[in-house]
N, C-alpha and C. Protein backbone atom coordinates (compact mmCIF):
# COMPACT_ATOMS: atom_id res chain seq x y z
N UNK A 1 62.53 86.42 111.49
CA UNK A 1 63.09 87.02 109.52
C UNK A 1 63.56 88.25 109.81
N UNK A 2 63.04 89.59 110.41
CA UNK A 2 63.73 90.17 110.73
C UNK A 2 65.12 90.38 111.44
N UNK A 3 65.15 89.66 112.00
CA UNK A 3 66.43 89.42 113.47
C UNK A 3 67.34 89.09 112.47
N UNK A 4 67.35 88.00 111.38
CA UNK A 4 68.19 87.85 110.99
C UNK A 4 68.82 88.96 109.84
N UNK A 5 67.62 89.70 109.45
CA UNK A 5 68.31 90.63 108.47
C UNK A 5 69.08 91.56 109.43
N UNK A 6 68.64 91.91 110.54
CA UNK A 6 69.80 92.50 111.49
C UNK A 6 70.64 92.47 111.69
N UNK A 7 70.68 91.13 112.59
CA UNK A 7 72.08 90.46 112.46
C UNK A 7 73.19 90.47 111.57
N UNK A 8 72.65 90.13 109.96
CA UNK A 8 73.37 90.03 108.79
C UNK A 8 73.75 91.61 108.10
N UNK A 9 73.33 92.33 108.72
CA UNK A 9 73.21 93.85 108.24
C UNK A 9 74.69 94.34 109.35
N UNK A 10 74.45 93.71 110.57
CA UNK A 10 75.38 94.34 111.49
C UNK A 10 77.03 93.44 111.47
N UNK A 11 76.64 92.05 111.05
CA UNK A 11 77.85 91.75 110.89
C UNK A 11 78.55 91.96 109.54
N UNK A 12 77.48 92.48 108.58
CA UNK A 12 78.50 92.76 107.34
C UNK A 12 78.78 93.96 107.28
N UNK A 13 78.01 95.21 108.34
CA UNK A 13 79.18 96.09 108.42
C UNK A 13 80.29 96.16 108.96
N UNK A 14 80.54 95.19 110.54
CA UNK A 14 81.43 94.94 111.09
C UNK A 14 82.71 94.55 110.08
N UNK A 15 82.05 93.40 109.54
CA UNK A 15 83.45 92.84 108.17
C UNK A 15 83.96 93.64 107.44
N UNK A 16 83.23 94.85 107.02
CA UNK A 16 83.47 95.99 105.64
C UNK A 16 84.30 97.01 106.87
N UNK A 17 83.93 97.53 108.36
CA UNK A 17 84.97 98.13 108.85
C UNK A 17 86.67 97.80 109.15
N UNK A 18 86.34 96.30 109.39
CA UNK A 18 87.77 95.55 109.83
C UNK A 18 88.50 95.09 108.43
N UNK A 19 88.04 95.09 107.49
CA UNK A 19 88.52 94.85 106.27
C UNK A 19 89.33 96.68 105.83
N UNK A 20 87.97 97.56 106.28
CA UNK A 20 88.81 98.57 105.63
C UNK A 20 90.16 98.81 106.85
N UNK A 21 89.77 98.97 108.27
CA UNK A 21 91.58 98.80 109.38
C UNK A 21 92.49 98.31 108.92
N UNK A 22 92.11 97.04 108.58
CA UNK A 22 93.23 95.76 108.41
C UNK A 22 94.00 95.85 106.70
N UNK A 23 93.51 96.16 105.90
CA UNK A 23 94.02 96.57 104.52
C UNK A 23 93.40 97.56 103.98
N UNK A 24 94.09 98.62 104.51
CA UNK A 24 93.86 100.01 103.40
C UNK A 24 93.95 100.47 102.30
N UNK A 25 95.32 99.85 101.37
CA UNK A 25 95.47 99.67 100.29
C UNK A 25 94.93 99.11 99.36
N UNK A 26 94.49 97.48 99.99
CA UNK A 26 93.27 96.90 99.08
C UNK A 26 91.69 97.58 98.75
N UNK A 27 91.61 98.09 100.29
CA UNK A 27 90.17 98.82 100.16
C UNK A 27 89.96 100.19 99.80
N UNK A 28 91.27 100.88 99.17
CA UNK A 28 91.64 102.41 98.54
C UNK A 28 91.48 101.79 96.99
N UNK A 29 92.26 100.42 96.52
CA UNK A 29 91.78 99.49 95.40
C UNK A 29 90.36 99.48 95.01
N UNK A 30 90.10 98.50 95.29
CA UNK A 30 88.60 98.81 95.27
C UNK A 30 87.40 99.50 95.34
N UNK A 31 87.59 100.51 96.13
CA UNK A 31 86.94 101.41 96.38
C UNK A 31 87.30 102.27 94.66
N UNK A 32 88.53 102.34 94.52
CA UNK A 32 88.79 102.91 93.02
C UNK A 32 88.31 102.57 92.07
N UNK A 33 88.21 100.87 91.80
CA UNK A 33 87.56 100.17 91.01
C UNK A 33 86.23 100.15 90.73
N UNK A 34 85.47 100.53 92.13
CA UNK A 34 83.71 100.30 91.88
C UNK A 34 83.50 101.61 91.36
N UNK A 35 84.30 102.97 91.74
CA UNK A 35 84.11 104.37 91.49
C UNK A 35 83.73 105.35 92.63
N UNK A 36 84.29 104.78 93.85
CA UNK A 36 83.59 105.17 95.37
C UNK A 36 84.56 106.40 95.56
N UNK A 37 86.08 106.19 94.93
CA UNK A 37 87.02 107.02 95.40
C UNK A 37 86.85 108.06 94.79
N UNK A 38 87.48 109.14 95.29
CA UNK A 38 87.58 110.64 93.72
C UNK A 38 89.07 110.44 93.08
N UNK A 39 89.46 110.69 92.08
CA UNK A 39 90.26 110.47 91.53
C UNK A 39 91.25 111.43 91.82
N UNK A 40 92.97 111.22 91.65
CA UNK A 40 93.81 111.97 92.51
C UNK A 40 94.09 113.17 91.01
N UNK A 41 94.11 113.71 91.38
CA UNK A 41 94.30 115.20 90.03
C UNK A 41 95.93 115.94 90.82
N UNK A 42 96.48 115.68 89.14
CA UNK A 42 97.89 116.53 89.55
C UNK A 42 97.93 117.55 89.14
N UNK A 43 98.52 117.80 89.97
CA UNK A 43 98.62 119.84 90.15
C UNK A 43 99.52 120.10 89.12
N UNK A 44 99.12 120.46 87.52
CA UNK A 44 99.94 121.15 86.49
C UNK A 44 100.78 122.67 87.01
N UNK A 45 100.26 123.38 87.80
CA UNK A 45 101.15 124.53 88.12
C UNK A 45 102.77 124.30 88.94
N UNK A 46 103.14 123.34 89.19
CA UNK A 46 104.40 123.19 89.80
C UNK A 46 105.28 122.74 89.47
N UNK A 47 106.53 122.98 89.80
CA UNK A 47 107.63 122.45 88.97
C UNK A 47 108.43 121.49 89.34
N UNK A 48 108.27 121.12 90.46
CA UNK A 48 109.10 119.80 90.90
C UNK A 48 107.74 118.87 91.28
N UNK A 49 108.04 118.31 92.43
CA UNK A 49 107.76 117.21 92.96
C UNK A 49 105.93 117.27 93.37
N UNK A 50 105.23 116.13 92.53
CA UNK A 50 103.97 116.31 93.00
C UNK A 50 103.37 117.53 93.44
N UNK A 51 103.62 118.36 91.99
CA UNK A 51 103.11 119.88 92.71
C UNK A 51 103.81 121.01 93.46
N UNK A 52 104.80 120.92 93.78
CA UNK A 52 105.79 121.27 94.37
C UNK A 52 106.60 122.76 93.56
N UNK A 53 106.24 123.88 93.96
CA UNK A 53 106.99 125.07 93.11
C UNK A 53 108.21 125.48 93.46
N UNK A 54 108.52 124.65 94.64
CA UNK A 54 110.25 124.97 94.83
C UNK A 54 111.43 124.03 94.15
N UNK A 55 110.81 122.81 94.27
CA UNK A 55 111.21 121.62 93.47
C UNK A 55 111.62 120.66 94.45
N UNK A 56 112.25 119.54 93.84
CA UNK A 56 112.96 118.42 95.14
C UNK A 56 114.42 118.82 95.35
N UNK A 57 114.37 118.94 96.63
CA UNK A 57 116.03 119.09 97.46
C UNK A 57 116.24 117.63 98.06
N UNK A 58 117.50 116.72 97.86
CA UNK A 58 117.58 115.62 98.89
C UNK A 58 116.74 114.69 98.57
N UNK A 59 116.12 114.34 97.98
CA UNK A 59 115.12 113.41 97.41
C UNK A 59 113.47 113.90 97.82
N UNK A 60 113.73 114.87 98.62
CA UNK A 60 112.14 115.15 98.81
C UNK A 60 111.65 116.35 98.55
N UNK A 61 110.63 116.66 98.39
CA UNK A 61 110.21 118.40 98.32
C UNK A 61 110.54 119.28 99.52
N UNK A 62 110.93 120.36 99.33
CA UNK A 62 111.52 121.31 99.75
C UNK A 62 112.53 120.48 100.74
């Protein structure tokens, strides 16, 4: 019985590892839904793109 639990745990961790590696966007959405990922906080000091104080030039910051 203990062997079965150990094997099931190892297989579950391996599946989780490869899911995370192969589907990073889906993994991040799953983490956000479960409340395991930190929330992204926008920087309100900046005047340009994503908190950049210089502003956007040519479609990108700086």
